[in-house]
PDB file of all heavy atoms in Angstrom:
ATOM      1  N   ALA A   1      16.169  -8.017  28.694  1.00  0.00           N
ATOM      2  CA  ALA A   1      14.825  -7.475  28.897  1.00  0.00           C
ATOM      3  C   ALA A   1      14.562  -7.128  30.354  1.00  0.00           C
ATOM      4  O   ALA A   1      13.631  -6.383  30.645  1.00  0.00           O
ATOM      5  CB  ALA A   1      13.782  -8.463  28.397  1.00  0.00           C
ATOM      6  N   LYS A   2      15.371  -7.628  31.271  1.00  0.00           N
ATOM      7  CA  LYS A   2      15.154  -7.327  32.687  1.00  0.00           C
ATOM      8  C   LYS A   2      15.293  -5.845  32.977  1.00  0.00           C
ATOM      9  O   LYS A   2      14.655  -5.324  33.874  1.00  0.00           O
ATOM     10  CB  LYS A   2      16.152  -8.113  33.551  1.00  0.00           C
ATOM     11  CG  LYS A   2      15.833  -9.579  33.637  1.00  0.00           C
ATOM     12  CD  LYS A   2      16.840 -10.301  34.502  1.00  0.00           C
ATOM     13  CE  LYS A   2      16.532 -11.781  34.561  1.00  0.00           C
ATOM     14  NZ  LYS A   2      17.502 -12.514  35.366  1.00  0.00           N
ATOM     15  N   ASP A   3      16.129  -5.135  32.216  1.00  0.00           N
ATOM     16  CA  ASP A   3      16.380  -3.716  32.451  1.00  0.00           C
ATOM     17  C   ASP A   3      15.365  -2.816  31.755  1.00  0.00           C
ATOM     18  O   ASP A   3      15.347  -1.616  31.999  1.00  0.00           O
ATOM     19  CB  ASP A   3      17.787  -3.352  31.983  1.00  0.00           C
ATOM     20  CG  ASP A   3      18.854  -4.122  32.739  1.00  0.00           C
ATOM     21  OD1 ASP A   3      18.594  -4.502  33.899  1.00  0.00           O
ATOM     22  OD2 ASP A   3      19.941  -4.348  32.169  1.00  0.00           O
ATOM     23  N   ARG A   4      14.544  -3.365  30.877  1.00  0.00           N
ATOM     24  CA  ARG A   4      13.588  -2.550  30.124  1.00  0.00           C
ATOM     25  C   ARG A   4      12.439  -2.098  31.007  1.00  0.00           C
ATOM     26  O   ARG A   4      11.924  -2.847  31.816  1.00  0.00           O
ATOM     27  CB  ARG A   4      13.038  -3.338  28.940  1.00  0.00           C
ATOM     28  CG  ARG A   4      14.099  -3.629  27.898  1.00  0.00           C
ATOM     29  CD  ARG A   4      13.532  -4.324  26.722  1.00  0.00           C
ATOM     30  NE  ARG A   4      12.689  -3.374  25.999  1.00  0.00           N
ATOM     31  CZ  ARG A   4      12.010  -3.691  24.936  1.00  0.00           C
ATOM     32  NH1 ARG A   4      12.062  -4.898  24.448  1.00  0.00           N
ATOM     33  NH2 ARG A   4      11.268  -2.796  24.324  1.00  0.00           N
ATOM     34  N   LYS A   5      12.043  -0.872  30.829  1.00  0.00           N
ATOM     35  CA  LYS A   5      10.933  -0.308  31.597  1.00  0.00           C
ATOM     36  C   LYS A   5       9.598  -0.522  30.886  1.00  0.00           C
ATOM     37  O   LYS A   5       8.584  -0.711  31.520  1.00  0.00           O
ATOM     38  CB  LYS A   5      11.146   1.199  31.809  1.00  0.00           C
ATOM     39  CG  LYS A   5      12.461   1.538  32.485  1.00  0.00           C
ATOM     40  CD  LYS A   5      12.441   1.151  33.933  1.00  0.00           C
ATOM     41  CE  LYS A   5      13.695   1.622  34.617  1.00  0.00           C
ATOM     42  NZ  LYS A   5      14.500   0.605  35.198  1.00  0.00           N
ATOM     43  N   GLU A   6       9.609  -0.443  29.561  1.00  0.00           N
ATOM     44  CA  GLU A   6       8.366  -0.540  28.803  1.00  0.00           C
ATOM     45  C   GLU A   6       8.053  -2.006  28.501  1.00  0.00           C
ATOM     46  O   GLU A   6       8.950  -2.825  28.361  1.00  0.00           O
ATOM     47  CB  GLU A   6       8.473   0.247  27.498  1.00  0.00           C
ATOM     48  CG  GLU A   6       9.577  -0.250  26.588  1.00  0.00           C
ATOM     49  CD  GLU A   6       9.947   0.737  25.524  1.00  0.00           C
ATOM     50  OE1 GLU A   6       9.992   1.937  25.818  1.00  0.00           O
ATOM     51  OE2 GLU A   6      10.205   0.293  24.405  1.00  0.00           O
ATOM     52  N   PRO A   7       6.775  -2.342  28.429  1.00  0.00           N
ATOM     53  CA  PRO A   7       6.420  -3.742  28.155  1.00  0.00           C
ATOM     54  C   PRO A   7       6.771  -4.120  26.719  1.00  0.00           C
ATOM     55  O   PRO A   7       6.805  -3.266  25.826  1.00  0.00           O
ATOM     56  CB  PRO A   7       4.907  -3.777  28.372  1.00  0.00           C
ATOM     57  CG  PRO A   7       4.461  -2.363  28.174  1.00  0.00           C
ATOM     58  CD  PRO A   7       5.610  -1.491  28.599  1.00  0.00           C
ATOM     59  N   ALA A   8       7.020  -5.389  26.504  1.00  0.00           N
ATOM     60  CA  ALA A   8       7.352  -5.886  25.171  1.00  0.00           C
ATOM     61  C   ALA A   8       6.095  -5.895  24.310  1.00  0.00           C
ATOM     62  O   ALA A   8       4.977  -6.046  24.802  1.00  0.00           O
ATOM     63  CB  ALA A   8       7.935  -7.291  25.260  1.00  0.00           C
ATOM     64  N   TRP A   9       6.285  -5.739  23.018  1.00  0.00           N
ATOM     65  CA  TRP A   9       5.168  -5.750  22.085  1.00  0.00           C
ATOM     66  C   TRP A   9       4.677  -7.178  21.899  1.00  0.00           C
ATOM     67  O   TRP A   9       5.469  -8.110  21.774  1.00  0.00           O
ATOM     68  CB  TRP A   9       5.615  -5.162  20.743  1.00  0.00           C
ATOM     69  CG  TRP A   9       4.532  -5.177  19.722  1.00  0.00           C
ATOM     70  CD1 TRP A   9       3.517  -4.284  19.594  1.00  0.00           C
ATOM     71  CD2 TRP A   9       4.351  -6.132  18.665  1.00  0.00           C
ATOM     72  NE1 TRP A   9       2.719  -4.616  18.544  1.00  0.00           N
ATOM     73  CE2 TRP A   9       3.206  -5.744  17.958  1.00  0.00           C
ATOM     74  CE3 TRP A   9       5.031  -7.272  18.268  1.00  0.00           C
ATOM     75  CZ2 TRP A   9       2.739  -6.457  16.867  1.00  0.00           C
ATOM     76  CZ3 TRP A   9       4.562  -7.979  17.182  1.00  0.00           C
ATOM     77  CH2 TRP A   9       3.424  -7.568  16.488  1.00  0.00           C
ATOM     78  N   ARG A  10       3.388  -7.358  21.933  1.00  0.00           N
ATOM     79  CA  ARG A  10       2.787  -8.665  21.705  1.00  0.00           C
ATOM     80  C   ARG A  10       1.733  -8.531  20.613  1.00  0.00           C
ATOM     81  O   ARG A  10       0.913  -7.617  20.656  1.00  0.00           O
ATOM     82  CB  ARG A  10       2.111  -9.193  22.970  1.00  0.00           C
ATOM     83  CG  ARG A  10       3.036  -9.385  24.140  1.00  0.00           C
ATOM     84  CD  ARG A  10       3.880 -10.645  23.945  1.00  0.00           C
ATOM     85  NE  ARG A  10       4.657 -10.961  25.120  1.00  0.00           N
ATOM     86  CZ  ARG A  10       5.906 -10.581  25.307  1.00  0.00           C
ATOM     87  NH1 ARG A  10       6.505  -9.853  24.412  1.00  0.00           N
ATOM     88  NH2 ARG A  10       6.556 -10.930  26.391  1.00  0.00           N
ATOM     89  N   PRO A  11       1.714  -9.433  19.651  1.00  0.00           N
ATOM     90  CA  PRO A  11       0.685  -9.363  18.605  1.00  0.00           C
ATOM     91  C   PRO A  11      -0.682  -9.716  19.171  1.00  0.00           C
ATOM     92  O   PRO A  11      -0.791 -10.545  20.074  1.00  0.00           O
ATOM     93  CB  PRO A  11       1.144 -10.396  17.578  1.00  0.00           C
ATOM     94  CG  PRO A  11       2.009 -11.342  18.337  1.00  0.00           C
ATOM     95  CD  PRO A  11       2.644 -10.537  19.439  1.00  0.00           C
ATOM     96  N   SER A  12      -1.715  -9.068  18.627  1.00  0.00           N
ATOM     97  CA  SER A  12      -3.077  -9.319  19.090  1.00  0.00           C
ATOM     98  C   SER A  12      -3.735 -10.445  18.307  1.00  0.00           C
ATOM     99  O   SER A  12      -4.755 -10.967  18.725  1.00  0.00           O
ATOM    100  CB  SER A  12      -3.915  -8.045  18.932  1.00  0.00           C
ATOM    101  OG  SER A  12      -4.111  -7.766  17.550  1.00  0.00           O
ATOM    102  N   GLY A  13      -3.170 -10.772  17.155  1.00  0.00           N
ATOM    103  CA  GLY A  13      -3.785 -11.782  16.302  1.00  0.00           C
ATOM    104  C   GLY A  13      -4.578 -11.162  15.166  1.00  0.00           C
ATOM    105  O   GLY A  13      -5.024 -11.850  14.266  1.00  0.00           O
ATOM    106  N   ILE A  14      -4.769  -9.852  15.222  1.00  0.00           N
ATOM    107  CA  ILE A  14      -5.482  -9.143  14.159  1.00  0.00           C
ATOM    108  C   ILE A  14      -4.440  -8.284  13.447  1.00  0.00           C
ATOM    109  O   ILE A  14      -3.983  -7.276  14.002  1.00  0.00           O
ATOM    110  CB  ILE A  14      -6.624  -8.276  14.727  1.00  0.00           C
ATOM    111  CG1 ILE A  14      -7.585  -9.156  15.530  1.00  0.00           C
ATOM    112  CG2 ILE A  14      -7.349  -7.543  13.610  1.00  0.00           C
ATOM    113  CD1 ILE A  14      -8.594  -8.386  16.344  1.00  0.00           C
ATOM    114  N   PRO A  15      -4.044  -8.671  12.227  1.00  0.00           N
ATOM    115  CA  PRO A  15      -2.935  -7.981  11.550  1.00  0.00           C
ATOM    116  C   PRO A  15      -3.127  -6.471  11.427  1.00  0.00           C
ATOM    117  O   PRO A  15      -2.175  -5.719  11.618  1.00  0.00           O
ATOM    118  CB  PRO A  15      -2.879  -8.639  10.178  1.00  0.00           C
ATOM    119  CG  PRO A  15      -3.496  -9.980  10.367  1.00  0.00           C
ATOM    120  CD  PRO A  15      -4.530  -9.799  11.446  1.00  0.00           C
ATOM    121  N   GLU A  16      -4.339  -6.017  11.121  1.00  0.00           N
ATOM    122  CA  GLU A  16      -4.570  -4.582  10.959  1.00  0.00           C
ATOM    123  C   GLU A  16      -4.278  -3.838  12.259  1.00  0.00           C
ATOM    124  O   GLU A  16      -3.646  -2.784  12.251  1.00  0.00           O
ATOM    125  CB  GLU A  16      -6.020  -4.299  10.521  1.00  0.00           C
ATOM    126  CG  GLU A  16      -6.372  -4.827   9.147  1.00  0.00           C
ATOM    127  CD  GLU A  16      -6.784  -6.296   9.151  1.00  0.00           C
ATOM    128  OE1 GLU A  16      -6.992  -6.879  10.245  1.00  0.00           O
ATOM    129  OE2 GLU A  16      -6.867  -6.875   8.062  1.00  0.00           O
ATOM    130  N   GLU A  17      -4.736  -4.398  13.383  1.00  0.00           N
ATOM    131  CA  GLU A  17      -4.488  -3.745  14.676  1.00  0.00           C
ATOM    132  C   GLU A  17      -3.010  -3.787  15.041  1.00  0.00           C
ATOM    133  O   GLU A  17      -2.481  -2.833  15.604  1.00  0.00           O
ATOM    134  CB  GLU A  17      -5.320  -4.402  15.772  1.00  0.00           C
ATOM    135  CG  GLU A  17      -6.793  -4.066  15.689  1.00  0.00           C
ATOM    136  CD  GLU A  17      -7.582  -4.692  16.829  1.00  0.00           C
ATOM    137  OE1 GLU A  17      -6.971  -5.155  17.813  1.00  0.00           O
ATOM    138  OE2 GLU A  17      -8.813  -4.706  16.721  1.00  0.00           O
ATOM    139  N   ASP A  18      -2.356  -4.915  14.723  1.00  0.00           N
ATOM    140  CA  ASP A  18      -0.929  -5.035  15.029  1.00  0.00           C
ATOM    141  C   ASP A  18      -0.119  -4.004  14.263  1.00  0.00           C
ATOM    142  O   ASP A  18       0.757  -3.351  14.824  1.00  0.00           O
ATOM    143  CB  ASP A  18      -0.419  -6.443  14.703  1.00  0.00           C
ATOM    144  CG  ASP A  18      -1.037  -7.503  15.608  1.00  0.00           C
ATOM    145  OD1 ASP A  18      -1.558  -7.140  16.672  1.00  0.00           O
ATOM    146  OD2 ASP A  18      -0.986  -8.688  15.228  1.00  0.00           O
ATOM    147  N   VAL A  19      -0.424  -3.860  12.974  1.00  0.00           N
ATOM    148  CA  VAL A  19       0.289  -2.879  12.157  1.00  0.00           C
ATOM    149  C   VAL A  19      -0.018  -1.476  12.653  1.00  0.00           C
ATOM    150  O   VAL A  19       0.881  -0.648  12.793  1.00  0.00           O
ATOM    151  CB  VAL A  19      -0.088  -3.034  10.660  1.00  0.00           C
ATOM    152  CG1 VAL A  19       0.420  -1.869   9.843  1.00  0.00           C
ATOM    153  CG2 VAL A  19       0.463  -4.340  10.114  1.00  0.00           C
ATOM    154  N   ARG A  20      -1.290  -1.225  12.947  1.00  0.00           N
ATOM    155  CA  ARG A  20      -1.683   0.102  13.420  1.00  0.00           C
ATOM    156  C   ARG A  20      -0.979   0.431  14.734  1.00  0.00           C
ATOM    157  O   ARG A  20      -0.440   1.523  14.899  1.00  0.00           O
ATOM    158  CB  ARG A  20      -3.202   0.158  13.596  1.00  0.00           C
ATOM    159  CG  ARG A  20      -3.729   1.544  13.859  1.00  0.00           C
ATOM    160  CD  ARG A  20      -5.261   1.616  13.964  1.00  0.00           C
ATOM    161  NE  ARG A  20      -5.920   1.003  12.835  1.00  0.00           N
ATOM    162  CZ  ARG A  20      -6.711  -0.081  12.927  1.00  0.00           C
ATOM    163  NH1 ARG A  20      -6.948  -0.649  14.087  1.00  0.00           N
ATOM    164  NH2 ARG A  20      -7.266  -0.587  11.847  1.00  0.00           N
ATOM    165  N   SER A  21      -0.950  -0.524  15.669  1.00  0.00           N
ATOM    166  CA  SER A  21      -0.339  -0.249  16.969  1.00  0.00           C
ATOM    167  C   SER A  21       1.160  -0.003  16.851  1.00  0.00           C
ATOM    168  O   SER A  21       1.744   0.691  17.666  1.00  0.00           O
ATOM    169  CB  SER A  21      -0.610  -1.399  17.936  1.00  0.00           C
ATOM    170  OG  SER A  21       0.119  -2.543  17.566  1.00  0.00           O
ATOM    171  N   THR A  22       1.770  -0.580  15.829  1.00  0.00           N
ATOM    172  CA  THR A  22       3.201  -0.386  15.629  1.00  0.00           C
ATOM    173  C   THR A  22       3.491   0.877  14.828  1.00  0.00           C
ATOM    174  O   THR A  22       4.402   1.635  15.154  1.00  0.00           O
ATOM    175  CB  THR A  22       3.804  -1.596  14.893  1.00  0.00           C
ATOM    176  OG1 THR A  22       3.530  -2.764  15.645  1.00  0.00           O
ATOM    177  CG2 THR A  22       5.292  -1.450  14.716  1.00  0.00           C
ATOM    178  N   MET A  23       2.716   1.117  13.781  1.00  0.00           N
ATOM    179  CA  MET A  23       3.014   2.192  12.851  1.00  0.00           C
ATOM    180  C   MET A  23       2.476   3.553  13.281  1.00  0.00           C
ATOM    181  O   MET A  23       3.092   4.573  12.984  1.00  0.00           O
ATOM    182  CB  MET A  23       2.468   1.842  11.461  1.00  0.00           C
ATOM    183  CG  MET A  23       3.099   0.601  10.847  1.00  0.00           C
ATOM    184  SD  MET A  23       4.887   0.638  10.765  1.00  0.00           S
ATOM    185  CE  MET A  23       5.154   1.890   9.542  1.00  0.00           C
ATOM    186  N   VAL A  24       1.354   3.603  13.976  1.00  0.00           N
ATOM    187  CA  VAL A  24       0.769   4.897  14.347  1.00  0.00           C
ATOM    188  C   VAL A  24       1.734   5.724  15.192  1.00  0.00           C
ATOM    189  O   VAL A  24       1.949   6.911  14.898  1.00  0.00           O
ATOM    190  CB  VAL A  24      -0.607   4.711  15.031  1.00  0.00           C
ATOM    191  CG1 VAL A  24      -1.057   5.983  15.729  1.00  0.00           C
ATOM    192  CG2 VAL A  24      -1.636   4.280  13.996  1.00  0.00           C
ATOM    193  N   PRO A  25       2.355   5.165  16.246  1.00  0.00           N
ATOM    194  CA  PRO A  25       3.306   5.995  16.991  1.00  0.00           C
ATOM    195  C   PRO A  25       4.466   6.496  16.122  1.00  0.00           C
ATOM    196  O   PRO A  25       4.885   7.653  16.255  1.00  0.00           O
ATOM    197  CB  PRO A  25       3.828   5.050  18.087  1.00  0.00           C
ATOM    198  CG  PRO A  25       2.785   4.010  18.228  1.00  0.00           C
ATOM    199  CD  PRO A  25       2.169   3.864  16.880  1.00  0.00           C
ATOM    200  N   TYR A  26       4.942   5.641  15.223  1.00  0.00           N
ATOM    201  CA  TYR A  26       6.020   6.059  14.314  1.00  0.00           C
ATOM    202  C   TYR A  26       5.546   7.199  13.430  1.00  0.00           C
ATOM    203  O   TYR A  26       6.244   8.213  13.275  1.00  0.00           O
ATOM    204  CB  TYR A  26       6.481   4.876  13.469  1.00  0.00           C
ATOM    205  CG  TYR A  26       7.368   5.282  12.324  1.00  0.00           C
ATOM    206  CD1 TYR A  26       8.701   5.616  12.529  1.00  0.00           C
ATOM    207  CD2 TYR A  26       6.854   5.367  11.030  1.00  0.00           C
ATOM    208  CE1 TYR A  26       9.510   6.013  11.486  1.00  0.00           C
ATOM    209  CE2 TYR A  26       7.660   5.761   9.980  1.00  0.00           C
ATOM    210  CZ  TYR A  26       8.981   6.078  10.204  1.00  0.00           C
ATOM    211  OH  TYR A  26       9.776   6.480   9.165  1.00  0.00           O
TER     212      TYR A  26
END
């Protein structure tokens, strides 16, 4: 992970938002 430029994904605790934040870009 030291070489990664983008931040790691972290869950917000709200499943709908987590799914949305992951799936919308896809």
